Amino acid sequence: MGAPRWVWLFGAPSLVLASGVAALSVQTSAREPVQIVLPAPSATPGQLTVHVVGAVQAPGAYQLAAGDRIDDAMRAAGGPAQNADLSQINLAARLRDGAQVTIPARGERLPGGAVGAPRTNINTADQQVLEALPGIGAVRARRIVESRESDGAFIDAAELVERRIVTASLYERLRDLIATR
């Protein structure tokens, strides 16, 4: 007659299960460990890259140390050209990775307005002063203050658009009223 019914019901599945476990243990012990490779960061830790343009000896992209200032970037680019107008820029401002540093020539107008016009410095103005600017109000003023505290000083006023604090059209209305130095 053959094997009793309980052998077929319990014995055969147990044998198949035991064979599978044995096969898996042999296969997993022979495999290489899984390695996860993350992409390399864009810059070395503690380093930043800035693009120096304008009235300098050797315009170009330079890698500097985190915490360096505009003066360090200008010197990395060979120093100011003879016609540089350093009175328009804050040489002590800290750099941010990916920033473009423009060293203006005498008589050249930096983006953002006429030289010497009274402006609101978005890096130093308090919330009340910022609120007085057209189209800013309490919410945007608070966002400007929070952004400069968390992301660092604004190198260029156009960063208000890049950081999504104001729209491009509002920035166009503000550009001659604000400064970063």
N, C-alpha and C. Protein backbone atom coordinates (compact mmCIF):
# COMPACT_ATOMS: atom_id res chain seq x y z
N MET A 1 0.78 -1.19 0.00
CA MET A 1 0.00 0.00 0.00
C MET A 1 0.83 1.27 0.00
N GLY A 2 1.89 1.32 0.47
CA GLY A 2 2.70 2.51 0.49
C GLY A 2 2.78 3.11 1.87
N ALA A 3 3.27 4.34 1.94
CA ALA A 3 3.46 5.04 3.21
C ALA A 3 2.12 5.49 3.76
N PRO A 4 2.02 5.53 5.11
CA PRO A 4 0.78 6.01 5.72
C PRO A 4 0.52 7.47 5.33
N ARG A 5 -0.72 7.87 5.40
CA ARG A 5 -1.16 9.20 4.99
C ARG A 5 -0.46 10.32 5.78
N TRP A 6 -0.19 10.17 7.05
CA TRP A 6 0.45 11.21 7.86
C TRP A 6 1.87 11.50 7.37
N VAL A 7 2.54 10.50 6.78
CA VAL A 7 3.88 10.73 6.26
C VAL A 7 3.80 11.70 5.09
N TRP A 8 2.83 11.50 4.21
CA TRP A 8 2.67 12.38 3.06
C TRP A 8 2.23 13.78 3.49
N LEU A 9 1.40 13.87 4.53
CA LEU A 9 0.90 15.17 4.97
C LEU A 9 1.95 15.99 5.71
N PHE A 10 2.75 15.31 6.53
CA PHE A 10 3.71 16.05 7.36
C PHE A 10 5.16 15.79 6.97
N GLY A 11 5.47 14.64 6.59
CA GLY A 11 6.85 14.26 6.29
C GLY A 11 7.37 14.91 5.02
N ALA A 12 6.61 14.83 3.95
CA ALA A 12 7.07 15.37 2.67
C ALA A 12 7.27 16.89 2.74
N PRO A 13 6.31 17.67 3.27
CA PRO A 13 6.55 19.13 3.36
C PRO A 13 7.73 19.46 4.28
N SER A 14 7.91 18.70 5.35
CA SER A 14 9.03 18.94 6.26
C SER A 14 10.35 18.70 5.55
N LEU A 15 10.40 17.67 4.72
CA LEU A 15 11.61 17.35 3.98
C LEU A 15 11.93 18.47 2.98
N VAL A 16 10.90 18.99 2.30
CA VAL A 16 11.10 20.09 1.34
C VAL A 16 11.58 21.34 2.07
N LEU A 17 10.98 21.65 3.21
CA LEU A 17 11.36 22.82 3.99
C LEU A 17 12.80 22.70 4.48
N ALA A 18 13.18 21.57 4.98
CA ALA A 18 14.54 21.34 5.46
C ALA A 18 15.54 21.47 4.32
N SER A 19 15.20 21.00 3.15
CA SER A 19 16.10 21.10 1.99
C SER A 19 16.29 22.56 1.59
N GLY A 20 15.21 23.34 1.62
CA GLY A 20 15.28 24.76 1.28
C GLY A 20 16.15 25.54 2.24
N VAL A 21 15.99 25.28 3.53
CA VAL A 21 16.80 25.97 4.55
C VAL A 21 18.27 25.63 4.37
N ALA A 22 18.56 24.39 4.11
CA ALA A 22 19.94 23.97 3.90
C ALA A 22 20.52 24.65 2.67
N ALA A 23 19.75 24.74 1.60
CA ALA A 23 20.23 25.37 0.37
C ALA A 23 20.48 26.86 0.60
N LEU A 24 19.58 27.53 1.32
CA LEU A 24 19.76 28.95 1.60
C LEU A 24 21.00 29.20 2.45
N SER A 25 21.24 28.38 3.43
CA SER A 25 22.39 28.60 4.30
C SER A 25 23.69 28.39 3.53
N VAL A 26 23.71 27.49 2.57
CA VAL A 26 24.90 27.29 1.76
C VAL A 26 25.09 28.48 0.83
N GLN A 27 24.01 28.98 0.21
CA GLN A 27 24.12 30.10 -0.72
C GLN A 27 24.51 31.40 -0.02
N THR A 28 23.90 31.71 1.12
CA THR A 28 24.18 32.99 1.77
C THR A 28 25.58 33.03 2.35
N SER A 29 26.13 31.91 2.76
CA SER A 29 27.47 31.94 3.32
C SER A 29 28.52 32.16 2.24
N ALA A 30 28.20 31.84 0.98
CA ALA A 30 29.15 31.99 -0.11
C ALA A 30 29.09 33.38 -0.75
N ARG A 31 28.09 34.19 -0.43
CA ARG A 31 27.92 35.50 -1.05
C ARG A 31 28.83 36.54 -0.42
N GLU A 32 29.17 37.54 -1.24
CA GLU A 32 29.93 38.69 -0.76
C GLU A 32 29.00 39.59 0.05
N PRO A 33 29.51 40.30 1.04
CA PRO A 33 28.64 41.24 1.77
C PRO A 33 28.18 42.37 0.85
N VAL A 34 27.00 42.89 1.10
CA VAL A 34 26.46 43.99 0.32
C VAL A 34 27.15 45.28 0.77
N GLN A 35 27.62 46.04 -0.20
CA GLN A 35 28.25 47.32 0.10
C GLN A 35 27.39 48.43 -0.47
N ILE A 36 27.16 49.46 0.31
CA ILE A 36 26.41 50.63 -0.14
C ILE A 36 27.42 51.73 -0.37
N VAL A 37 27.47 52.24 -1.60
CA VAL A 37 28.41 53.29 -1.94
C VAL A 37 27.62 54.57 -2.18
N LEU A 38 27.88 55.56 -1.36
CA LEU A 38 27.21 56.86 -1.49
C LEU A 38 28.01 57.75 -2.41
N PRO A 39 27.34 58.66 -3.14
CA PRO A 39 28.09 59.57 -4.01
C PRO A 39 28.99 60.48 -3.19
N ALA A 40 30.10 60.83 -3.77
CA ALA A 40 31.05 61.70 -3.08
C ALA A 40 30.47 63.11 -2.97
N PRO A 41 30.73 63.82 -1.88
CA PRO A 41 30.24 65.19 -1.77
C PRO A 41 30.91 66.06 -2.82
N SER A 42 30.24 67.20 -3.16
CA SER A 42 30.74 68.06 -4.23
C SER A 42 32.02 68.79 -3.83
N ALA A 43 32.22 68.99 -2.57
CA ALA A 43 33.44 69.66 -2.12
C ALA A 43 33.97 68.93 -0.90
N THR A 44 35.25 69.09 -0.66
CA THR A 44 35.85 68.48 0.51
C THR A 44 35.27 69.14 1.76
N PRO A 45 35.03 68.36 2.83
CA PRO A 45 34.52 68.98 4.04
C PRO A 45 35.44 70.13 4.48
N GLY A 46 34.82 71.24 4.85
CA GLY A 46 35.61 72.39 5.28
C GLY A 46 36.08 73.25 4.11
N GLN A 47 35.68 72.90 2.90
CA GLN A 47 36.06 73.65 1.71
C GLN A 47 34.83 74.22 1.03
N LEU A 48 35.00 75.29 0.30
CA LEU A 48 33.92 75.84 -0.53
C LEU A 48 34.54 76.36 -1.81
N THR A 49 33.70 76.45 -2.83
CA THR A 49 34.17 76.94 -4.13
C THR A 49 33.39 78.19 -4.48
N VAL A 50 34.12 79.25 -4.87
CA VAL A 50 33.49 80.51 -5.26
C VAL A 50 34.03 80.93 -6.62
N HIS A 51 33.23 81.71 -7.32
CA HIS A 51 33.61 82.24 -8.63
C HIS A 51 33.88 83.72 -8.47
N VAL A 52 35.11 84.12 -8.69
CA VAL A 52 35.50 85.52 -8.51
C VAL A 52 35.58 86.17 -9.90
N VAL A 53 34.83 87.26 -10.08
CA VAL A 53 34.79 87.97 -11.36
C VAL A 53 34.97 89.46 -11.14
N GLY A 54 35.16 90.17 -12.23
CA GLY A 54 35.25 91.63 -12.16
C GLY A 54 36.68 92.12 -12.13
N ALA A 55 36.92 93.16 -11.36
CA ALA A 55 38.20 93.85 -11.34
C ALA A 55 39.21 93.15 -10.43
N VAL A 56 39.64 91.95 -10.86
CA VAL A 56 40.68 91.20 -10.16
C VAL A 56 41.74 90.79 -11.20
N GLN A 57 42.90 90.38 -10.73
CA GLN A 57 44.00 90.01 -11.62
C GLN A 57 43.72 88.72 -12.40
N ALA A 58 43.10 87.73 -11.76
CA ALA A 58 42.89 86.42 -12.40
C ALA A 58 41.49 85.89 -12.06
N PRO A 59 40.45 86.37 -12.76
CA PRO A 59 39.10 85.87 -12.48
C PRO A 59 39.03 84.35 -12.67
N GLY A 60 38.16 83.72 -11.90
CA GLY A 60 37.99 82.27 -12.04
C GLY A 60 37.36 81.67 -10.81
N ALA A 61 37.24 80.34 -10.82
CA ALA A 61 36.68 79.59 -9.69
C ALA A 61 37.83 79.19 -8.77
N TYR A 62 37.62 79.38 -7.49
CA TYR A 62 38.65 79.09 -6.50
C TYR A 62 38.08 78.30 -5.34
N GLN A 63 38.88 77.34 -4.85
CA GLN A 63 38.47 76.56 -3.68
C GLN A 63 39.14 77.17 -2.46
N LEU A 64 38.32 77.53 -1.48
CA LEU A 64 38.80 78.19 -0.27
C LEU A 64 38.32 77.44 0.96
N ALA A 65 38.79 77.82 2.10
CA ALA A 65 38.37 77.18 3.35
C ALA A 65 37.02 77.73 3.80
N ALA A 66 36.21 76.87 4.39
CA ALA A 66 34.94 77.32 4.96
C ALA A 66 35.26 78.40 6.00
N GLY A 67 34.47 79.46 6.00
CA GLY A 67 34.70 80.55 6.93
C GLY A 67 35.54 81.67 6.34
N ASP A 68 36.11 81.46 5.13
CA ASP A 68 36.87 82.53 4.50
C ASP A 68 35.95 83.69 4.12
N ARG A 69 36.56 84.81 3.82
CA ARG A 69 35.81 86.04 3.55
C ARG A 69 36.04 86.51 2.11
N ILE A 70 35.29 87.51 1.70
CA ILE A 70 35.41 88.03 0.34
C ILE A 70 36.85 88.47 0.07
N ASP A 71 37.50 89.06 1.06
CA ASP A 71 38.90 89.48 0.90
C ASP A 71 39.78 88.29 0.53
N ASP A 72 39.55 87.12 1.15
CA ASP A 72 40.33 85.93 0.84
C ASP A 72 40.10 85.48 -0.61
N ALA A 73 38.86 85.55 -1.07
CA ALA A 73 38.54 85.17 -2.45
C ALA A 73 39.21 86.13 -3.43
N MET A 74 39.18 87.42 -3.13
CA MET A 74 39.80 88.42 -4.01
C MET A 74 41.31 88.17 -4.09
N ARG A 75 41.92 87.86 -2.96
CA ARG A 75 43.37 87.60 -2.95
C ARG A 75 43.70 86.30 -3.68
N ALA A 76 42.83 85.29 -3.58
CA ALA A 76 43.05 84.04 -4.32
C ALA A 76 43.03 84.31 -5.82
N ALA A 77 42.26 85.32 -6.24
CA ALA A 77 42.18 85.69 -7.66
C ALA A 77 43.27 86.68 -8.04
N GLY A 78 44.32 86.73 -7.28
CA GLY A 78 45.47 87.57 -7.62
C GLY A 78 45.41 88.98 -7.07
N GLY A 79 44.37 89.29 -6.31
CA GLY A 79 44.23 90.62 -5.74
C GLY A 79 43.43 91.53 -6.64
N PRO A 80 43.14 92.74 -6.15
CA PRO A 80 42.32 93.67 -6.95
C PRO A 80 43.11 94.23 -8.13
N ALA A 81 42.38 94.48 -9.21
CA ALA A 81 42.98 95.18 -10.34
C ALA A 81 43.18 96.64 -9.95
N GLN A 82 43.98 97.38 -10.72
CA GLN A 82 44.24 98.79 -10.39
C GLN A 82 42.98 99.63 -10.38
N ASN A 83 41.98 99.24 -11.18
CA ASN A 83 40.76 100.04 -11.27
C ASN A 83 39.64 99.53 -10.35
N ALA A 84 39.95 98.64 -9.42
CA ALA A 84 38.93 98.08 -8.53
C ALA A 84 38.40 99.14 -7.57
N ASP A 85 37.11 99.09 -7.32
CA ASP A 85 36.47 100.01 -6.37
C ASP A 85 36.04 99.19 -5.15
N LEU A 86 36.95 99.05 -4.18
CA LEU A 86 36.69 98.21 -3.01
C LEU A 86 35.73 98.86 -2.03
N SER A 87 35.40 100.12 -2.21
CA SER A 87 34.48 100.79 -1.30
C SER A 87 33.04 100.29 -1.47
N GLN A 88 32.75 99.63 -2.58
CA GLN A 88 31.39 99.14 -2.83
C GLN A 88 31.12 97.77 -2.20
N ILE A 89 32.15 97.10 -1.74
CA ILE A 89 31.95 95.73 -1.24
C ILE A 89 32.44 95.61 0.20
N ASN A 90 31.87 94.64 0.89
CA ASN A 90 32.26 94.36 2.26
C ASN A 90 33.28 93.23 2.23
N LEU A 91 34.54 93.57 2.33
CA LEU A 91 35.61 92.57 2.26
C LEU A 91 35.57 91.59 3.42
N ALA A 92 34.90 91.95 4.50
CA ALA A 92 34.84 91.08 5.67
C ALA A 92 33.67 90.09 5.63
N ALA A 93 32.79 90.18 4.62
CA ALA A 93 31.64 89.27 4.55
C ALA A 93 32.11 87.85 4.30
N ARG A 94 31.47 86.90 4.98
CA ARG A 94 31.82 85.48 4.81
C ARG A 94 31.31 84.96 3.47
N LEU A 95 32.05 84.01 2.93
CA LEU A 95 31.69 83.38 1.66
C LEU A 95 30.73 82.21 1.88
N ARG A 96 29.97 81.92 0.84
CA ARG A 96 29.10 80.72 0.82
C ARG A 96 29.49 79.87 -0.37
N ASP A 97 29.42 78.56 -0.22
CA ASP A 97 29.76 77.65 -1.31
C ASP A 97 28.89 77.95 -2.53
N GLY A 98 29.52 78.05 -3.68
CA GLY A 98 28.80 78.28 -4.93
C GLY A 98 28.52 79.74 -5.23
N ALA A 99 28.98 80.65 -4.39
CA ALA A 99 28.70 82.07 -4.59
C ALA A 99 29.59 82.66 -5.70
N GLN A 100 29.06 83.70 -6.32
CA GLN A 100 29.86 84.48 -7.26
C GLN A 100 30.20 85.80 -6.58
N VAL A 101 31.48 86.11 -6.54
CA VAL A 101 31.95 87.34 -5.91
C VAL A 101 32.35 88.30 -7.03
N THR A 102 31.68 89.45 -7.08
CA THR A 102 31.99 90.46 -8.09
C THR A 102 32.75 91.60 -7.45
N ILE A 103 33.95 91.86 -7.97
CA ILE A 103 34.74 93.00 -7.53
C ILE A 103 34.53 94.09 -8.59
N PRO A 104 33.83 95.17 -8.23
CA PRO A 104 33.50 96.19 -9.23
C PRO A 104 34.69 97.08 -9.58
N ALA A 105 34.65 97.59 -10.78
CA ALA A 105 35.63 98.59 -11.21
C ALA A 105 35.10 99.97 -10.83
N ARG A 106 36.00 100.96 -10.74
CA ARG A 106 35.56 102.33 -10.46
C ARG A 106 34.54 102.76 -11.52
N GLY A 107 33.45 103.36 -11.06
CA GLY A 107 32.41 103.83 -11.96
C GLY A 107 31.42 102.75 -12.39
N GLU A 108 31.71 101.51 -12.07
CA GLU A 108 30.81 100.41 -12.41
C GLU A 108 29.73 100.29 -11.35
N ARG A 109 28.52 100.03 -11.79
CA ARG A 109 27.40 99.86 -10.87
C ARG A 109 27.18 98.36 -10.64
N LEU A 110 27.25 97.96 -9.41
CA LEU A 110 26.98 96.56 -9.08
C LEU A 110 25.49 96.28 -9.26
N PRO A 111 25.13 95.03 -9.57
CA PRO A 111 23.70 94.71 -9.66
C PRO A 111 23.00 95.09 -8.37
N GLY A 112 21.85 95.71 -8.48
CA GLY A 112 21.10 96.08 -7.30
C GLY A 112 20.93 97.57 -7.12
N GLY A 113 21.54 98.39 -7.93
CA GLY A 113 21.26 99.81 -7.80
C GLY A 113 22.45 100.70 -7.97
N ALA A 114 22.20 101.98 -7.85
CA ALA A 114 23.24 102.98 -8.05
C ALA A 114 24.14 103.06 -6.84
N VAL A 115 25.40 103.33 -7.11
CA VAL A 115 26.37 103.47 -6.03
C VAL A 115 26.02 104.70 -5.20
N GLY A 116 26.00 104.56 -3.89
CA GLY A 116 25.78 105.69 -3.01
C GLY A 116 24.33 105.97 -2.67
N ALA A 117 23.38 105.34 -3.35
CA ALA A 117 21.96 105.57 -3.04
C ALA A 117 21.65 104.96 -1.68
N PRO A 118 20.82 105.63 -0.87
CA PRO A 118 20.48 105.04 0.44
C PRO A 118 19.66 103.77 0.25
N ARG A 119 20.07 102.71 0.91
CA ARG A 119 19.41 101.42 0.76
C ARG A 119 19.27 100.74 2.12
N THR A 120 18.41 99.74 2.14
CA THR A 120 18.25 98.92 3.33
C THR A 120 19.15 97.71 3.19
N ASN A 121 20.04 97.52 4.14
CA ASN A 121 20.94 96.37 4.12
C ASN A 121 20.18 95.16 4.66
N ILE A 122 19.90 94.19 3.79
CA ILE A 122 19.11 93.02 4.21
C ILE A 122 19.89 92.09 5.12
N ASN A 123 21.19 92.32 5.29
CA ASN A 123 21.99 91.50 6.20
C ASN A 123 22.02 92.05 7.62
N THR A 124 21.67 93.33 7.77
CA THR A 124 21.76 93.94 9.11
C THR A 124 20.44 94.53 9.60
N ALA A 125 19.51 94.77 8.69
CA ALA A 125 18.23 95.40 9.08
C ALA A 125 17.43 94.47 9.97
N ASP A 126 16.76 95.04 10.98
CA ASP A 126 15.89 94.22 11.82
C ASP A 126 14.54 94.03 11.13
N GLN A 127 13.69 93.23 11.73
CA GLN A 127 12.42 92.87 11.10
C GLN A 127 11.56 94.10 10.82
N GLN A 128 11.52 95.06 11.74
CA GLN A 128 10.69 96.26 11.54
C GLN A 128 11.13 97.07 10.33
N VAL A 129 12.43 97.23 10.15
CA VAL A 129 12.95 97.98 9.01
C VAL A 129 12.61 97.25 7.71
N LEU A 130 12.78 95.92 7.71
CA LEU A 130 12.48 95.14 6.51
C LEU A 130 10.99 95.21 6.16
N GLU A 131 10.14 95.21 7.18
CA GLU A 131 8.69 95.29 6.95
C GLU A 131 8.29 96.57 6.23
N ALA A 132 9.07 97.62 6.38
CA ALA A 132 8.76 98.90 5.75
C ALA A 132 9.03 98.90 4.24
N LEU A 133 9.76 97.91 3.75
CA LEU A 133 10.02 97.83 2.32
C LEU A 133 8.73 97.45 1.58
N PRO A 134 8.51 98.01 0.39
CA PRO A 134 7.28 97.71 -0.34
C PRO A 134 7.18 96.22 -0.69
N GLY A 135 6.03 95.61 -0.36
CA GLY A 135 5.78 94.22 -0.70
C GLY A 135 6.36 93.20 0.25
N ILE A 136 7.04 93.63 1.31
CA ILE A 136 7.69 92.68 2.22
C ILE A 136 6.73 92.25 3.34
N GLY A 137 6.32 93.13 4.20
CA GLY A 137 5.41 92.77 5.28
C GLY A 137 6.07 91.92 6.34
N ALA A 138 5.28 91.54 7.35
CA ALA A 138 5.79 90.83 8.52
C ALA A 138 6.30 89.43 8.18
N VAL A 139 5.57 88.69 7.35
CA VAL A 139 5.95 87.30 7.06
C VAL A 139 7.26 87.24 6.29
N ARG A 140 7.37 88.01 5.23
CA ARG A 140 8.61 87.99 4.43
C ARG A 140 9.78 88.56 5.22
N ALA A 141 9.54 89.57 6.02
CA ALA A 141 10.62 90.14 6.85
C ALA A 141 11.16 89.08 7.80
N ARG A 142 10.26 88.33 8.42
CA ARG A 142 10.69 87.25 9.33
C ARG A 142 11.48 86.18 8.56
N ARG A 143 11.03 85.86 7.34
CA ARG A 143 11.74 84.85 6.53
C ARG A 143 13.14 85.34 6.13
N ILE A 144 13.30 86.64 5.87
CA ILE A 144 14.62 87.18 5.54
C ILE A 144 15.55 87.03 6.74
N VAL A 145 15.07 87.41 7.92
CA VAL A 145 15.89 87.31 9.13
C VAL A 145 16.23 85.84 9.42
N GLU A 146 15.25 84.94 9.32
CA GLU A 146 15.50 83.51 9.58
C GLU A 146 16.47 82.94 8.57
N SER A 147 16.36 83.34 7.29
CA SER A 147 17.24 82.81 6.26
C SER A 147 18.69 83.24 6.48
N ARG A 148 18.89 84.48 6.83
CA ARG A 148 20.28 84.92 7.04
C ARG A 148 20.87 84.29 8.29
N GLU A 149 20.03 83.95 9.28
CA GLU A 149 20.52 83.28 10.49
C GLU A 149 20.84 81.82 10.21
N SER A 150 20.02 81.15 9.40
CA SER A 150 20.24 79.72 9.16
C SER A 150 21.15 79.44 7.97
N ASP A 151 21.10 80.27 6.92
CA ASP A 151 21.87 80.01 5.69
C ASP A 151 23.05 80.95 5.51
N GLY A 152 23.21 81.91 6.40
CA GLY A 152 24.32 82.84 6.29
C GLY A 152 23.89 84.13 5.61
N ALA A 153 24.79 85.08 5.65
CA ALA A 153 24.52 86.41 5.07
C ALA A 153 24.26 86.30 3.57
N PHE A 154 23.49 87.23 3.07
CA PHE A 154 23.24 87.32 1.64
C PHE A 154 24.46 87.94 0.99
N ILE A 155 25.01 87.29 -0.02
CA ILE A 155 26.15 87.86 -0.76
C ILE A 155 25.61 88.83 -1.80
N ASP A 156 24.48 88.47 -2.40
CA ASP A 156 23.85 89.30 -3.43
C ASP A 156 22.36 89.37 -3.10
N ALA A 157 21.77 90.52 -3.31
CA ALA A 157 20.35 90.69 -2.99
C ALA A 157 19.46 89.76 -3.80
N ALA A 158 19.92 89.33 -4.97
CA ALA A 158 19.13 88.41 -5.80
C ALA A 158 18.94 87.06 -5.12
N GLU A 159 19.70 86.78 -4.07
CA GLU A 159 19.51 85.54 -3.32
C GLU A 159 18.15 85.48 -2.65
N LEU A 160 17.49 86.63 -2.49
CA LEU A 160 16.12 86.62 -1.96
C LEU A 160 15.22 85.76 -2.85
N VAL A 161 15.47 85.78 -4.15
CA VAL A 161 14.70 84.96 -5.08
C VAL A 161 15.19 83.52 -5.02
N GLU A 162 16.51 83.31 -5.02
CA GLU A 162 17.08 81.97 -4.97
C GLU A 162 16.64 81.21 -3.71
N ARG A 163 16.54 81.92 -2.60
CA ARG A 163 16.12 81.28 -1.34
C ARG A 163 14.60 81.23 -1.22
N ARG A 164 13.91 81.64 -2.26
CA ARG A 164 12.44 81.58 -2.35
C ARG A 164 11.74 82.41 -1.26
N ILE A 165 12.29 83.57 -1.01
CA ILE A 165 11.68 84.48 -0.03
C ILE A 165 10.78 85.48 -0.75
N VAL A 166 11.22 85.94 -1.92
CA VAL A 166 10.41 86.84 -2.73
C VAL A 166 10.35 86.31 -4.16
N THR A 167 9.37 86.77 -4.91
CA THR A 167 9.26 86.40 -6.32
C THR A 167 10.21 87.28 -7.14
N ALA A 168 10.46 86.87 -8.36
CA ALA A 168 11.34 87.64 -9.24
C ALA A 168 10.76 89.03 -9.51
N SER A 169 9.44 89.10 -9.67
CA SER A 169 8.83 90.41 -9.95
C SER A 169 8.93 91.34 -8.73
N LEU A 170 8.77 90.81 -7.52
CA LEU A 170 8.93 91.65 -6.33
C LEU A 170 10.39 92.08 -6.18
N TYR A 171 11.31 91.18 -6.47
CA TYR A 171 12.73 91.54 -6.40
C TYR A 171 13.04 92.71 -7.34
N GLU A 172 12.47 92.70 -8.53
CA GLU A 172 12.70 93.80 -9.48
C GLU A 172 12.26 95.13 -8.89
N ARG A 173 11.18 95.12 -8.11
CA ARG A 173 10.71 96.35 -7.47
C ARG A 173 11.62 96.78 -6.32
N LEU A 174 12.27 95.80 -5.69
CA LEU A 174 13.11 96.09 -4.51
C LEU A 174 14.57 96.35 -4.83
N ARG A 175 15.03 95.90 -5.96
CA ARG A 175 16.48 95.86 -6.23
C ARG A 175 17.21 97.19 -6.02
N ASP A 176 16.56 98.32 -6.27
CA ASP A 176 17.22 99.61 -6.06
C ASP A 176 17.05 100.15 -4.65
N LEU A 177 16.34 99.40 -3.81
CA LEU A 177 16.09 99.84 -2.43
C LEU A 177 16.87 99.04 -1.40
N ILE A 178 17.48 97.92 -1.82
CA ILE A 178 18.15 97.02 -0.87
C ILE A 178 19.60 96.82 -1.25
N ALA A 179 20.37 96.38 -0.26
CA ALA A 179 21.80 96.09 -0.46
C ALA A 179 22.19 94.95 0.46
N THR A 180 23.36 94.39 0.22
CA THR A 180 23.88 93.34 1.10
C THR A 180 25.12 93.80 1.85
N ARG A 181 25.52 95.04 1.63
CA ARG A 181 26.70 95.59 2.31
C ARG A 181 26.36 96.94 2.87
